[in-house]
Amino acid sequence: MTHNRVFGIGLSRTGTKSLATALNQLGIKTRWFPHDRLTHRQLLSGDFRLKVLESYEGMTDTPAAAFYPQFDSLYPDSKFILTSRDVNSWLRSCRKHWARSRPRPVTPFSPRWRKFATYIDCAIYGCTSFVESRFAYTFDNHEQNVKRYFSQRSDDLLIVNLERGDGWEKLCPFLGVDIPDTPFPHVNQFNAPTLS
């Protein structure tokens, strides 16, 4: 691998788990949604040289989507992949996901994953509940900011839409690896074309 790390910087529900699975199949050891206690503590203190990235070559979902400029600064020569999808399909998926996974407020006795999810939801969306207008704004703003950030570095950013059928044929040349003889993985499809 000629690059430092691979960061999947799409928002949750855009195919981030599918991308992590694909990267692992390519031999790039990747962590989807690291939300362990140490990662949470490091992020809360503004320490973006995450311990988890000592053991993994790639990371997708949050916190990569929230803090990609910091990771870019700390890990030069890395590759960044923005997973995207149709915004209306994404909003429907988010509405279902937040209804299932965020039913109660955080308390001192909440499980660690809920505390992390609350923190990262606030960092990305500015709220902990699904608010369609806020999520739609965040989706558009995130994609515009990523494109603007990498506008002079097109070799460092790949935009894929797994919902539309993007897969190995875009990912592998971007990473400089051979296309495997297996179908591209699609994980957590609740009902097509819902991707996580």
C-alpha atoms as a PDB file:
ATOM      1  CA  MET A   1       0.000   0.000   0.000  1.00  0.00           C
ATOM      2  CA  THR A   2       1.558   3.281  -1.106  1.00  0.00           C
ATOM      3  CA  HIS A   3      -0.778   5.475   0.954  1.00  0.00           C
ATOM      4  CA  ASN A   4      -0.739   6.102   4.696  1.00  0.00           C
ATOM      5  CA  ARG A   5      -4.371   5.378   5.641  1.00  0.00           C
ATOM      6  CA  VAL A   6      -7.765   5.074   3.950  1.00  0.00           C
ATOM      7  CA  PHE A   7     -10.637   7.091   5.410  1.00  0.00           C
ATOM      8  CA  GLY A   8     -14.268   6.546   4.435  1.00  0.00           C
ATOM      9  CA  ILE A   9     -15.736   9.994   5.085  1.00  0.00           C
ATOM     10  CA  GLY A  10     -19.327   9.533   3.996  1.00  0.00           C
ATOM     11  CA  LEU A  11     -22.072  10.096   6.544  1.00  0.00           C
ATOM     12  CA  SER A  12     -23.688   7.130   8.262  1.00  0.00           C
ATOM     13  CA  ARG A  13     -26.262   5.322   6.103  1.00  0.00           C
ATOM     14  CA  THR A  14     -24.352   5.979   2.846  1.00  0.00           C
ATOM     15  CA  GLY A  15     -22.688   2.567   2.598  1.00  0.00           C
ATOM     16  CA  THR A  16     -19.962   3.017   5.191  1.00  0.00           C
ATOM     17  CA  LYS A  17     -20.160  -0.548   6.520  1.00  0.00           C
ATOM     18  CA  SER A  18     -20.165  -1.916   2.970  1.00  0.00           C
ATOM     19  CA  LEU A  19     -17.059   0.154   2.226  1.00  0.00           C
ATOM     20  CA  ALA A  20     -15.312  -1.114   5.366  1.00  0.00           C
ATOM     21  CA  THR A  21     -16.132  -4.689   4.368  1.00  0.00           C
ATOM     22  CA  ALA A  22     -14.798  -4.083   0.852  1.00  0.00           C
ATOM     23  CA  LEU A  23     -11.558  -2.548   2.155  1.00  0.00           C
ATOM     24  CA  ASN A  24     -11.030  -5.510   4.460  1.00  0.00           C
ATOM     25  CA  GLN A  25     -11.592  -7.871   1.528  1.00  0.00           C
ATOM     26  CA  LEU A  26      -8.872  -5.971  -0.337  1.00  0.00           C
ATOM     27  CA  GLY A  27      -6.474  -6.600   2.539  1.00  0.00           C
ATOM     28  CA  ILE A  28      -6.709  -3.072   3.978  1.00  0.00           C
ATOM     29  CA  LYS A  29      -7.432  -3.699   7.652  1.00  0.00           C
ATOM     30  CA  THR A  30     -10.330  -1.303   8.291  1.00  0.00           C
ATOM     31  CA  ARG A  31     -12.434  -0.380  11.306  1.00  0.00           C
ATOM     32  CA  TRP A  32     -16.041   0.674  10.844  1.00  0.00           C
ATOM     33  CA  PHE A  33     -17.439   3.159  13.401  1.00  0.00           C
ATOM     34  CA  PRO A  34     -14.818   2.964  16.154  1.00  0.00           C
ATOM     35  CA  HIS A  35     -16.660   3.972  19.316  1.00  0.00           C
ATOM     36  CA  ASP A  36     -14.606   2.410  22.094  1.00  0.00           C
ATOM     37  CA  ARG A  37     -13.933   4.258  25.347  1.00  0.00           C
ATOM     38  CA  LEU A  38     -10.393   5.363  24.400  1.00  0.00           C
ATOM     39  CA  THR A  39     -11.462   6.706  20.992  1.00  0.00           C
ATOM     40  CA  HIS A  40     -14.291   8.627  22.647  1.00  0.00           C
ATOM     41  CA  ARG A  41     -11.939  10.073  25.282  1.00  0.00           C
ATOM     42  CA  GLN A  42      -9.364  11.067  22.656  1.00  0.00           C
ATOM     43  CA  LEU A  43     -11.945  12.847  20.518  1.00  0.00           C
ATOM     44  CA  LEU A  44     -13.439  14.670  23.490  1.00  0.00           C
ATOM     45  CA  SER A  45      -9.966  15.995  24.319  1.00  0.00           C
ATOM     46  CA  GLY A  46      -9.189  17.005  20.722  1.00  0.00           C
ATOM     47  CA  ASP A  47      -6.562  14.278  20.264  1.00  0.00           C
ATOM     48  CA  PHE A  48      -7.083  13.050  16.696  1.00  0.00           C
ATOM     49  CA  ARG A  49      -4.040  10.752  16.548  1.00  0.00           C
ATOM     50  CA  LEU A  50      -6.299   7.881  17.464  1.00  0.00           C
ATOM     51  CA  LYS A  51      -4.858   4.793  19.116  1.00  0.00           C
ATOM     52  CA  VAL A  52      -7.180   2.647  16.991  1.00  0.00           C
ATOM     53  CA  LEU A  53      -5.310   3.796  13.866  1.00  0.00           C
ATOM     54  CA  GLU A  54      -2.148   2.141  15.152  1.00  0.00           C
ATOM     55  CA  SER A  55      -3.837  -1.215  14.524  1.00  0.00           C
ATOM     56  CA  TYR A  56      -5.902  -0.347  11.433  1.00  0.00           C
ATOM     57  CA  GLU A  57      -5.028   1.012   8.000  1.00  0.00           C
ATOM     58  CA  GLY A  58      -8.545   2.268   7.350  1.00  0.00           C
ATOM     59  CA  MET A  59     -11.553   3.736   9.121  1.00  0.00           C
ATOM     60  CA  THR A  60     -15.067   4.478   7.879  1.00  0.00           C
ATOM     61  CA  ASP A  61     -18.189   6.187   9.176  1.00  0.00           C
ATOM     62  CA  THR A  62     -17.844   8.344  12.240  1.00  0.00           C
ATOM     63  CA  PRO A  63     -15.552   9.834  13.422  1.00  0.00           C
ATOM     64  CA  ALA A  64     -13.863   9.934   9.994  1.00  0.00           C
ATOM     65  CA  ALA A  65     -16.732  11.910   8.462  1.00  0.00           C
ATOM     66  CA  ALA A  66     -16.637  14.525  11.205  1.00  0.00           C
ATOM     67  CA  PHE A  67     -12.894  15.073  11.429  1.00  0.00           C
ATOM     68  CA  TYR A  68     -11.401  14.283   8.009  1.00  0.00           C
ATOM     69  CA  PRO A  69      -9.351  17.544   7.865  1.00  0.00           C
ATOM     70  CA  GLN A  70      -7.650  16.632  11.131  1.00  0.00           C
ATOM     71  CA  PHE A  71      -6.918  13.094   9.929  1.00  0.00           C
ATOM     72  CA  ASP A  72      -5.628  14.473   6.642  1.00  0.00           C
ATOM     73  CA  SER A  73      -3.194  16.696   8.542  1.00  0.00           C
ATOM     74  CA  LEU A  74      -2.013  13.919  10.867  1.00  0.00           C
ATOM     75  CA  TYR A  75      -1.794  11.172   8.230  1.00  0.00           C
ATOM     76  CA  PRO A  76      -0.364  12.726   5.038  1.00  0.00           C
ATOM     77  CA  ASP A  77      -0.571  10.738   1.799  1.00  0.00           C
ATOM     78  CA  SER A  78      -3.844   9.133   2.874  1.00  0.00           C
ATOM     79  CA  LYS A  79      -6.796   8.366   0.611  1.00  0.00           C
ATOM     80  CA  PHE A  80     -10.332   9.590   1.281  1.00  0.00           C
ATOM     81  CA  ILE A  81     -13.544   8.014   0.024  1.00  0.00           C
ATOM     82  CA  LEU A  82     -16.832   9.887   0.162  1.00  0.00           C
ATOM     83  CA  THR A  83     -19.737   7.452   0.037  1.00  0.00           C
ATOM     84  CA  SER A  84     -22.896   9.160  -1.153  1.00  0.00           C
ATOM     85  CA  ARG A  85     -26.446   8.305  -2.153  1.00  0.00           C
ATOM     86  CA  ASP A  86     -29.698   9.947  -3.179  1.00  0.00           C
ATOM     87  CA  VAL A  87     -30.560  12.398  -0.415  1.00  0.00           C
ATOM     88  CA  ASN A  88     -34.238  11.380  -0.204  1.00  0.00           C
ATOM     89  CA  SER A  89     -33.337   7.706   0.075  1.00  0.00           C
ATOM     90  CA  TRP A  90     -30.730   8.623   2.689  1.00  0.00           C
ATOM     91  CA  LEU A  91     -33.249  10.634   4.721  1.00  0.00           C
ATOM     92  CA  ARG A  92     -35.701   7.712   4.743  1.00  0.00           C
ATOM     93  CA  SER A  93     -32.922   5.399   5.919  1.00  0.00           C
ATOM     94  CA  CYS A  94     -31.857   7.836   8.648  1.00  0.00           C
ATOM     95  CA  ARG A  95     -35.425   8.252   9.868  1.00  0.00           C
ATOM     96  CA  LYS A  96     -35.722   4.465  10.361  1.00  0.00           C
ATOM     97  CA  HIS A  97     -32.265   4.135  11.876  1.00  0.00           C
ATOM     98  CA  TRP A  98     -32.666   6.950  14.409  1.00  0.00           C
ATOM     99  CA  ALA A  99     -36.120   5.657  15.398  1.00  0.00           C
ATOM    100  CA  ARG A 100     -34.576   2.249  16.191  1.00  0.00           C
ATOM    101  CA  SER A 101     -31.334   3.299  17.835  1.00  0.00           C
ATOM    102  CA  ARG A 102     -31.976   6.589  19.645  1.00  0.00           C
ATOM    103  CA  PRO A 103     -35.162   6.005  21.666  1.00  0.00           C
ATOM    104  CA  ARG A 104     -34.029   7.353  25.050  1.00  0.00           C
ATOM    105  CA  PRO A 105     -31.971  10.290  26.330  1.00  0.00           C
ATOM    106  CA  VAL A 106     -28.431   9.665  27.536  1.00  0.00           C
ATOM    107  CA  THR A 107     -28.015   9.144  31.284  1.00  0.00           C
ATOM    108  CA  PRO A 108     -24.956   8.362  33.408  1.00  0.00           C
ATOM    109  CA  PHE A 109     -26.025   4.702  33.161  1.00  0.00           C
ATOM    110  CA  SER A 110     -26.371   4.608  29.360  1.00  0.00           C
ATOM    111  CA  PRO A 111     -24.156   2.122  27.508  1.00  0.00           C
ATOM    112  CA  ARG A 112     -20.905   3.486  26.102  1.00  0.00           C
ATOM    113  CA  TRP A 113     -22.047   3.231  22.475  1.00  0.00           C
ATOM    114  CA  ARG A 114     -25.045   5.477  23.216  1.00  0.00           C
ATOM    115  CA  LYS A 115     -22.822   8.104  24.851  1.00  0.00           C
ATOM    116  CA  PHE A 116     -20.506   8.035  21.848  1.00  0.00           C
ATOM    117  CA  ALA A 117     -23.432   8.166  19.401  1.00  0.00           C
ATOM    118  CA  THR A 118     -24.839  11.206  21.215  1.00  0.00           C
ATOM    119  CA  TYR A 119     -21.472  12.976  21.083  1.00  0.00           C
ATOM    120  CA  ILE A 120     -20.845  12.225  17.399  1.00  0.00           C
ATOM    121  CA  ASP A 121     -24.442  13.040  16.386  1.00  0.00           C
ATOM    122  CA  CYS A 122     -24.036  16.469  17.957  1.00  0.00           C
ATOM    123  CA  ALA A 123     -20.670  16.946  16.252  1.00  0.00           C
ATOM    124  CA  ILE A 124     -22.080  16.076  12.820  1.00  0.00           C
ATOM    125  CA  TYR A 125     -25.772  16.999  12.844  1.00  0.00           C
ATOM    126  CA  GLY A 126     -26.056  19.424  15.741  1.00  0.00           C
ATOM    127  CA  CYS A 127     -28.833  17.329  17.278  1.00  0.00           C
ATOM    128  CA  THR A 128     -29.409  13.854  18.687  1.00  0.00           C
ATOM    129  CA  SER A 129     -32.850  13.176  17.229  1.00  0.00           C
ATOM    130  CA  PHE A 130     -33.757  12.841  13.581  1.00  0.00           C
ATOM    131  CA  VAL A 131     -34.783  16.284  12.312  1.00  0.00           C
ATOM    132  CA  GLU A 132     -35.296  16.028   8.565  1.00  0.00           C
ATOM    133  CA  SER A 133     -34.471  19.625   7.701  1.00  0.00           C
ATOM    134  CA  ARG A 134     -31.303  19.549   9.786  1.00  0.00           C
ATOM    135  CA  PHE A 135     -30.184  16.220   8.326  1.00  0.00           C
ATOM    136  CA  ALA A 136     -30.853  17.391   4.758  1.00  0.00           C
ATOM    137  CA  TYR A 137     -28.821  20.539   5.417  1.00  0.00           C
ATOM    138  CA  THR A 138     -25.982  18.490   6.941  1.00  0.00           C
ATOM    139  CA  PHE A 139     -25.932  16.079   3.991  1.00  0.00           C
ATOM    140  CA  ASP A 140     -25.610  18.873   1.418  1.00  0.00           C
ATOM    141  CA  ASN A 141     -23.163  20.858   3.517  1.00  0.00           C
ATOM    142  CA  HIS A 142     -20.942  17.835   4.180  1.00  0.00           C
ATOM    143  CA  GLU A 143     -20.707  16.888   0.502  1.00  0.00           C
ATOM    144  CA  GLN A 144     -19.982  20.478  -0.555  1.00  0.00           C
ATOM    145  CA  ASN A 145     -17.322  20.883   2.136  1.00  0.00           C
ATOM    146  CA  VAL A 146     -15.579  17.627   1.206  1.00  0.00           C
ATOM    147  CA  LYS A 147     -15.513  18.534  -2.480  1.00  0.00           C
ATOM    148  CA  ARG A 148     -14.234  22.016  -1.705  1.00  0.00           C
ATOM    149  CA  TYR A 149     -11.568  20.696   0.678  1.00  0.00           C
ATOM    150  CA  PHE A 150     -10.184  18.293  -1.934  1.00  0.00           C
ATOM    151  CA  SER A 151     -10.789  20.522  -4.965  1.00  0.00           C
ATOM    152  CA  GLN A 152      -7.054  20.843  -5.695  1.00  0.00           C
ATOM    153  CA  ARG A 153      -6.282  17.204  -4.804  1.00  0.00           C
ATOM    154  CA  SER A 154      -8.482  15.037  -6.980  1.00  0.00           C
ATOM    155  CA  ASP A 155      -6.088  12.079  -6.665  1.00  0.00           C
ATOM    156  CA  ASP A 156      -6.776  11.927  -2.921  1.00  0.00           C
ATOM    157  CA  LEU A 157     -10.603  11.811  -3.037  1.00  0.00           C
ATOM    158  CA  LEU A 158     -12.931   9.222  -4.553  1.00  0.00           C
ATOM    159  CA  ILE A 159     -16.703   9.721  -4.560  1.00  0.00           C
ATOM    160  CA  VAL A 160     -18.758   6.536  -4.829  1.00  0.00           C
ATOM    161  CA  ASN A 161     -22.465   5.887  -4.863  1.00  0.00           C
ATOM    162  CA  LEU A 162     -23.005   2.236  -3.964  1.00  0.00           C
ATOM    163  CA  GLU A 163     -26.758   2.664  -4.338  1.00  0.00           C
ATOM    164  CA  ARG A 164     -26.195   3.385  -8.054  1.00  0.00           C
ATOM    165  CA  GLY A 165     -23.873   0.419  -8.513  1.00  0.00           C
ATOM    166  CA  ASP A 166     -20.385   1.853  -7.977  1.00  0.00           C
ATOM    167  CA  GLY A 167     -18.016  -0.793  -6.689  1.00  0.00           C
ATOM    168  CA  TRP A 168     -14.711  -2.464  -7.398  1.00  0.00           C
ATOM    169  CA  GLU A 169     -14.295  -0.798 -10.805  1.00  0.00           C
ATOM    170  CA  LYS A 170     -13.968   2.622  -9.132  1.00  0.00           C
ATOM    171  CA  LEU A 171     -12.486   1.654  -5.778  1.00  0.00           C
ATOM    172  CA  CYS A 172      -9.630  -0.599  -6.871  1.00  0.00           C
ATOM    173  CA  PRO A 173      -7.951   1.730  -9.414  1.00  0.00           C
ATOM    174  CA  PHE A 174      -8.195   4.568  -6.900  1.00  0.00           C
ATOM    175  CA  LEU A 175      -6.344   2.462  -4.321  1.00  0.00           C
ATOM    176  CA  GLY A 176      -3.956   0.900  -6.837  1.00  0.00           C
ATOM    177  CA  VAL A 177      -5.043  -2.677  -6.153  1.00  0.00           C
ATOM    178  CA  ASP A 178      -6.376  -5.481  -8.321  1.00  0.00           C
ATOM    179  CA  ILE A 179     -10.099  -6.025  -8.701  1.00  0.00           C
ATOM    180  CA  PRO A 180     -11.067  -9.179  -6.774  1.00  0.00           C
ATOM    181  CA  ASP A 181     -13.056 -11.992  -8.324  1.00  0.00           C
ATOM    182  CA  THR A 182     -15.922 -11.586  -5.859  1.00  0.00           C
ATOM    183  CA  PRO A 183     -19.058  -9.426  -5.858  1.00  0.00           C
ATOM    184  CA  PHE A 184     -18.804  -6.064  -4.139  1.00  0.00           C
ATOM    185  CA  PRO A 185     -20.258  -6.423  -0.625  1.00  0.00           C
ATOM    186  CA  HIS A 186     -23.526  -4.719   0.289  1.00  0.00           C
ATOM    187  CA  VAL A 187     -24.079  -4.870   4.043  1.00  0.00           C
ATOM    188  CA  ASN A 188     -27.221  -4.060   6.055  1.00  0.00           C
ATOM    189  CA  GLN A 189     -29.664  -3.692   3.210  1.00  0.00           C
ATOM    190  CA  PHE A 190     -32.965  -3.458   5.071  1.00  0.00           C
ATOM    191  CA  ASN A 191     -34.817  -3.064   1.811  1.00  0.00           C
ATOM    192  CA  ALA A 192     -33.095  -2.135  -1.400  1.00  0.00           C
ATOM    193  CA  PRO A 193     -31.588   0.311  -1.945  1.00  0.00           C
ATOM    194  CA  THR A 194     -30.994   1.035   1.778  1.00  0.00           C
ATOM    195  CA  LEU A 195     -27.294   0.827   2.604  1.00  0.00           C
ATOM    196  CA  SER A 196     -25.469   1.450   5.863  1.00  0.00           C
END
